[in-house]
């Protein structure tokens, strides 16, 4: 397999998970970070901060848990939920189990 190097401007990947949430969601978040690092991408698991407009690609695992369990003012939660929704530059993906 031939692979090209990542461009120098490749954004950092931040995978967010609720610190008091479901352990399975933390496992999923950890696997995403591991896979990204395996693909030579800078990636971190975050369980102590909200997503922000900082140039990162934000992945929120289980947003139904994350935003409900995070102890922050409503305005901060709303700003975090919007962080990165400026397509195509950055985006926030939300990953969770469920029926649809």
N, C-alpha and C. Protein backbone atom coordinates (compact mmCIF):
# COMPACT_ATOMS: atom_id res chain seq x y z
N UNK A 1 0.83 -1.16 0.00
CA UNK A 1 0.00 0.00 0.00
C UNK A 1 0.89 1.24 0.00
N UNK A 2 0.55 2.18 -0.85
CA UNK A 2 1.27 3.44 -0.90
C UNK A 2 0.48 4.47 -0.11
N UNK A 3 1.16 5.15 0.80
CA UNK A 3 0.49 6.18 1.58
C UNK A 3 1.21 7.50 1.41
N UNK A 4 0.44 8.55 1.39
CA UNK A 4 1.02 9.89 1.29
C UNK A 4 1.16 10.46 2.69
N UNK A 5 2.15 11.27 2.90
CA UNK A 5 2.27 11.89 4.23
C UNK A 5 1.13 12.86 4.46
N UNK A 6 0.77 13.03 5.72
CA UNK A 6 -0.28 13.99 6.05
C UNK A 6 0.23 15.40 5.79
N UNK A 7 -0.62 16.27 5.33
CA UNK A 7 -0.18 17.65 5.14
C UNK A 7 0.19 18.26 6.49
N UNK A 8 1.08 19.22 6.47
CA UNK A 8 1.52 19.85 7.71
C UNK A 8 0.38 20.56 8.43
N UNK A 9 -0.65 20.90 7.70
CA UNK A 9 -1.75 21.64 8.32
C UNK A 9 -2.85 20.71 8.85
N UNK A 10 -2.57 19.42 8.93
CA UNK A 10 -3.58 18.47 9.43
C UNK A 10 -4.02 18.88 10.83
N UNK A 11 -5.31 18.99 11.00
CA UNK A 11 -5.85 19.42 12.28
C UNK A 11 -5.73 18.32 13.32
N UNK A 12 -5.55 18.75 14.54
CA UNK A 12 -5.54 17.83 15.67
C UNK A 12 -6.95 17.28 15.86
N UNK A 13 -7.03 16.00 16.19
CA UNK A 13 -8.30 15.35 16.46
C UNK A 13 -8.51 15.29 17.97
N UNK A 14 -9.65 15.81 18.43
CA UNK A 14 -10.02 15.73 19.84
C UNK A 14 -11.26 14.87 19.95
N UNK A 15 -11.19 13.83 20.75
CA UNK A 15 -12.32 12.93 20.96
C UNK A 15 -12.83 13.18 22.38
N UNK A 16 -14.05 13.67 22.47
CA UNK A 16 -14.65 14.05 23.75
C UNK A 16 -15.58 12.95 24.26
N UNK A 17 -15.51 12.71 25.57
CA UNK A 17 -16.37 11.73 26.22
C UNK A 17 -16.71 12.26 27.61
N UNK A 18 -17.92 11.97 28.08
CA UNK A 18 -18.33 12.43 29.41
C UNK A 18 -17.54 11.69 30.48
N UNK A 19 -16.95 12.42 31.44
CA UNK A 19 -16.14 11.77 32.47
C UNK A 19 -16.95 10.85 33.38
N UNK A 20 -18.24 11.11 33.54
CA UNK A 20 -19.08 10.27 34.41
C UNK A 20 -20.05 9.42 33.59
N UNK A 21 -19.78 9.29 32.30
CA UNK A 21 -20.68 8.56 31.42
C UNK A 21 -20.43 7.07 31.38
N UNK A 22 -21.08 6.45 30.44
CA UNK A 22 -21.03 5.02 30.20
C UNK A 22 -19.60 4.58 29.86
N UNK A 23 -19.12 3.54 30.52
CA UNK A 23 -17.78 3.03 30.27
C UNK A 23 -17.56 2.56 28.84
N UNK A 24 -18.60 2.07 28.21
CA UNK A 24 -18.49 1.63 26.81
C UNK A 24 -18.19 2.81 25.89
N UNK A 25 -18.74 3.98 26.22
CA UNK A 25 -18.48 5.16 25.40
C UNK A 25 -17.02 5.59 25.53
N UNK A 26 -16.46 5.44 26.73
CA UNK A 26 -15.03 5.74 26.92
C UNK A 26 -14.18 4.77 26.11
N UNK A 27 -14.58 3.49 26.07
CA UNK A 27 -13.86 2.52 25.24
C UNK A 27 -13.87 2.93 23.77
N UNK A 28 -15.05 3.31 23.27
CA UNK A 28 -15.17 3.73 21.88
C UNK A 28 -14.28 4.94 21.62
N UNK A 29 -14.34 5.92 22.52
CA UNK A 29 -13.51 7.12 22.37
C UNK A 29 -12.02 6.76 22.33
N UNK A 30 -11.61 5.87 23.22
CA UNK A 30 -10.21 5.44 23.27
C UNK A 30 -9.79 4.76 21.97
N UNK A 31 -10.67 3.93 21.43
CA UNK A 31 -10.36 3.24 20.17
C UNK A 31 -10.23 4.22 19.02
N UNK A 32 -11.06 5.26 19.01
CA UNK A 32 -10.96 6.28 17.96
C UNK A 32 -9.62 7.01 18.03
N UNK A 33 -9.20 7.35 19.24
CA UNK A 33 -7.90 8.01 19.42
C UNK A 33 -6.78 7.08 18.97
N UNK A 34 -6.85 5.83 19.38
CA UNK A 34 -5.83 4.85 19.00
C UNK A 34 -5.76 4.68 17.48
N UNK A 35 -6.91 4.60 16.83
CA UNK A 35 -6.93 4.44 15.38
C UNK A 35 -6.35 5.67 14.68
N UNK A 36 -6.69 6.84 15.17
CA UNK A 36 -6.16 8.06 14.56
C UNK A 36 -4.64 8.12 14.72
N UNK A 37 -4.16 7.79 15.90
CA UNK A 37 -2.71 7.79 16.12
C UNK A 37 -2.03 6.75 15.24
N UNK A 38 -2.71 5.61 15.05
CA UNK A 38 -2.17 4.57 14.18
C UNK A 38 -2.08 5.02 12.73
N UNK A 39 -2.88 6.04 12.39
CA UNK A 39 -2.84 6.61 11.04
C UNK A 39 -1.96 7.86 11.01
N UNK A 40 -1.09 8.00 12.00
CA UNK A 40 -0.15 9.11 12.09
C UNK A 40 -0.83 10.46 12.27
N UNK A 41 -1.95 10.46 12.93
CA UNK A 41 -2.69 11.70 13.20
C UNK A 41 -2.52 12.08 14.66
N UNK A 42 -2.36 13.35 14.94
CA UNK A 42 -2.32 13.79 16.33
C UNK A 42 -3.73 13.69 16.89
N UNK A 43 -3.90 12.98 17.98
CA UNK A 43 -5.23 12.76 18.56
C UNK A 43 -5.14 12.67 20.07
N UNK A 44 -6.17 13.23 20.74
CA UNK A 44 -6.22 13.19 22.20
C UNK A 44 -7.63 12.85 22.64
N UNK A 45 -7.71 12.18 23.79
CA UNK A 45 -8.98 11.89 24.44
C UNK A 45 -9.21 13.00 25.47
N UNK A 46 -10.41 13.61 25.42
CA UNK A 46 -10.72 14.73 26.31
C UNK A 46 -11.95 14.39 27.14
N UNK A 47 -11.79 14.43 28.47
CA UNK A 47 -12.95 14.19 29.33
C UNK A 47 -13.09 15.28 30.39
N UNK A 48 -12.34 16.36 30.22
CA UNK A 48 -12.36 17.44 31.22
C UNK A 48 -12.58 18.82 30.61
N UNK A 49 -13.09 18.87 29.39
CA UNK A 49 -13.32 20.15 28.72
C UNK A 49 -14.42 19.98 27.69
N UNK A 50 -14.98 21.11 27.29
CA UNK A 50 -15.99 21.13 26.23
C UNK A 50 -15.32 21.40 24.89
N UNK A 51 -15.92 20.95 23.78
CA UNK A 51 -15.38 21.30 22.47
C UNK A 51 -15.36 22.83 22.31
N UNK A 52 -14.37 23.31 21.58
CA UNK A 52 -14.23 24.75 21.37
C UNK A 52 -13.80 25.01 19.93
N UNK A 53 -13.96 26.25 19.51
CA UNK A 53 -13.50 26.68 18.19
C UNK A 53 -12.01 26.96 18.28
N UNK A 54 -11.20 25.90 18.17
CA UNK A 54 -9.76 26.06 18.31
C UNK A 54 -8.99 25.47 17.14
N UNK A 55 -9.67 25.17 16.05
CA UNK A 55 -9.02 24.61 14.88
C UNK A 55 -8.94 23.10 14.86
N UNK A 56 -9.37 22.45 15.93
CA UNK A 56 -9.34 20.99 16.01
C UNK A 56 -10.56 20.39 15.31
N UNK A 57 -10.44 19.12 14.98
CA UNK A 57 -11.60 18.34 14.57
C UNK A 57 -12.13 17.70 15.84
N UNK A 58 -13.39 17.99 16.17
CA UNK A 58 -13.98 17.52 17.42
C UNK A 58 -14.92 16.35 17.16
N UNK A 59 -14.67 15.25 17.85
CA UNK A 59 -15.59 14.11 17.83
C UNK A 59 -16.18 13.98 19.23
N UNK A 60 -17.49 14.02 19.33
CA UNK A 60 -18.16 13.86 20.62
C UNK A 60 -18.82 12.49 20.64
N UNK A 61 -18.33 11.63 21.51
CA UNK A 61 -18.88 10.29 21.63
C UNK A 61 -20.05 10.35 22.62
N UNK A 62 -21.20 9.89 22.16
CA UNK A 62 -22.41 9.85 22.97
C UNK A 62 -22.85 11.23 23.44
N UNK A 63 -23.22 12.12 22.49
CA UNK A 63 -23.60 13.49 22.89
C UNK A 63 -24.81 13.53 23.81
N UNK A 64 -25.68 12.52 23.71
CA UNK A 64 -26.84 12.49 24.61
C UNK A 64 -26.38 12.37 26.06
N UNK A 65 -25.25 11.75 26.30
CA UNK A 65 -24.64 11.69 27.63
C UNK A 65 -23.78 12.92 27.86
N UNK A 66 -22.94 13.20 26.90
CA UNK A 66 -21.91 14.21 27.08
C UNK A 66 -22.49 15.56 27.50
N UNK A 67 -23.42 16.08 26.74
CA UNK A 67 -23.94 17.41 27.02
C UNK A 67 -24.91 17.42 28.21
N UNK A 68 -25.52 16.30 28.51
CA UNK A 68 -26.41 16.24 29.66
C UNK A 68 -25.64 16.04 30.97
N UNK A 69 -24.52 15.36 30.93
CA UNK A 69 -23.77 15.06 32.14
C UNK A 69 -22.71 16.11 32.46
N UNK A 70 -22.40 16.98 31.51
CA UNK A 70 -21.36 17.97 31.72
C UNK A 70 -21.91 19.12 32.55
N UNK A 71 -21.27 19.43 33.65
CA UNK A 71 -21.71 20.47 34.55
C UNK A 71 -21.16 21.82 34.10
N UNK A 72 -21.95 22.52 33.29
CA UNK A 72 -21.54 23.83 32.78
C UNK A 72 -22.79 24.66 32.53
N UNK A 73 -22.64 25.98 32.49
CA UNK A 73 -23.79 26.82 32.17
C UNK A 73 -24.35 26.49 30.79
N UNK A 74 -25.65 26.68 30.64
CA UNK A 74 -26.34 26.37 29.38
C UNK A 74 -25.68 27.05 28.17
N UNK A 75 -25.30 28.30 28.31
CA UNK A 75 -24.67 29.02 27.19
C UNK A 75 -23.36 28.35 26.77
N UNK A 76 -22.58 27.88 27.74
CA UNK A 76 -21.33 27.18 27.42
C UNK A 76 -21.61 25.86 26.70
N UNK A 77 -22.62 25.14 27.14
CA UNK A 77 -22.99 23.87 26.49
C UNK A 77 -23.46 24.11 25.06
N UNK A 78 -24.24 25.15 24.85
CA UNK A 78 -24.73 25.46 23.50
C UNK A 78 -23.56 25.85 22.59
N UNK A 79 -22.62 26.65 23.10
CA UNK A 79 -21.46 27.04 22.30
C UNK A 79 -20.62 25.81 21.96
N UNK A 80 -20.46 24.91 22.93
CA UNK A 80 -19.69 23.69 22.70
C UNK A 80 -20.36 22.80 21.66
N UNK A 81 -21.70 22.73 21.70
CA UNK A 81 -22.42 21.91 20.73
C UNK A 81 -22.26 22.45 19.31
N UNK A 82 -22.05 23.73 19.19
CA UNK A 82 -21.86 24.34 17.88
C UNK A 82 -20.41 24.34 17.42
N UNK A 83 -19.50 24.12 18.33
CA UNK A 83 -18.07 24.23 18.02
C UNK A 83 -17.69 23.37 16.83
N UNK A 84 -17.19 24.02 15.82
CA UNK A 84 -16.69 23.30 14.66
C UNK A 84 -17.70 23.07 13.57
N UNK A 85 -18.92 23.55 13.71
CA UNK A 85 -19.91 23.30 12.66
C UNK A 85 -19.78 24.24 11.48
N UNK A 86 -18.59 24.76 11.26
CA UNK A 86 -18.34 25.61 10.11
C UNK A 86 -17.78 24.72 9.00
N UNK A 87 -18.65 24.11 8.23
CA UNK A 87 -18.28 23.17 7.19
C UNK A 87 -17.78 23.94 5.99
N UNK A 88 -16.75 23.53 5.27
CA UNK A 88 -16.02 22.28 5.43
C UNK A 88 -14.76 22.41 6.28
N UNK A 89 -14.47 23.56 6.83
CA UNK A 89 -13.19 23.74 7.53
C UNK A 89 -13.05 22.82 8.73
N UNK A 90 -14.02 22.81 9.62
CA UNK A 90 -13.97 21.96 10.79
C UNK A 90 -15.37 21.45 11.05
N UNK A 91 -15.46 20.37 11.77
CA UNK A 91 -16.78 19.84 12.07
C UNK A 91 -16.77 19.12 13.40
N UNK A 92 -17.94 18.94 13.94
CA UNK A 92 -18.10 18.16 15.15
C UNK A 92 -18.94 16.95 14.79
N UNK A 93 -18.37 15.79 14.95
CA UNK A 93 -19.14 14.56 14.71
C UNK A 93 -19.62 14.04 16.05
N UNK A 94 -20.82 13.51 16.03
CA UNK A 94 -21.38 12.96 17.26
C UNK A 94 -21.59 11.47 17.05
N UNK A 95 -21.04 10.69 17.96
CA UNK A 95 -21.06 9.24 17.81
C UNK A 95 -21.76 8.63 19.02
N UNK A 96 -22.74 7.79 18.77
CA UNK A 96 -23.44 7.15 19.89
C UNK A 96 -24.18 5.91 19.39
N UNK A 97 -24.55 5.07 20.35
CA UNK A 97 -25.38 3.92 20.03
C UNK A 97 -26.82 4.38 19.92
N UNK A 98 -27.64 3.60 19.30
CA UNK A 98 -29.06 3.96 19.24
C UNK A 98 -29.73 3.36 18.01
N UNK A 99 -31.00 3.57 17.93
CA UNK A 99 -31.80 3.04 16.83
C UNK A 99 -32.08 4.14 15.80
N UNK A 100 -31.09 4.61 15.16
CA UNK A 100 -31.35 5.59 14.12
C UNK A 100 -30.75 6.85 14.43
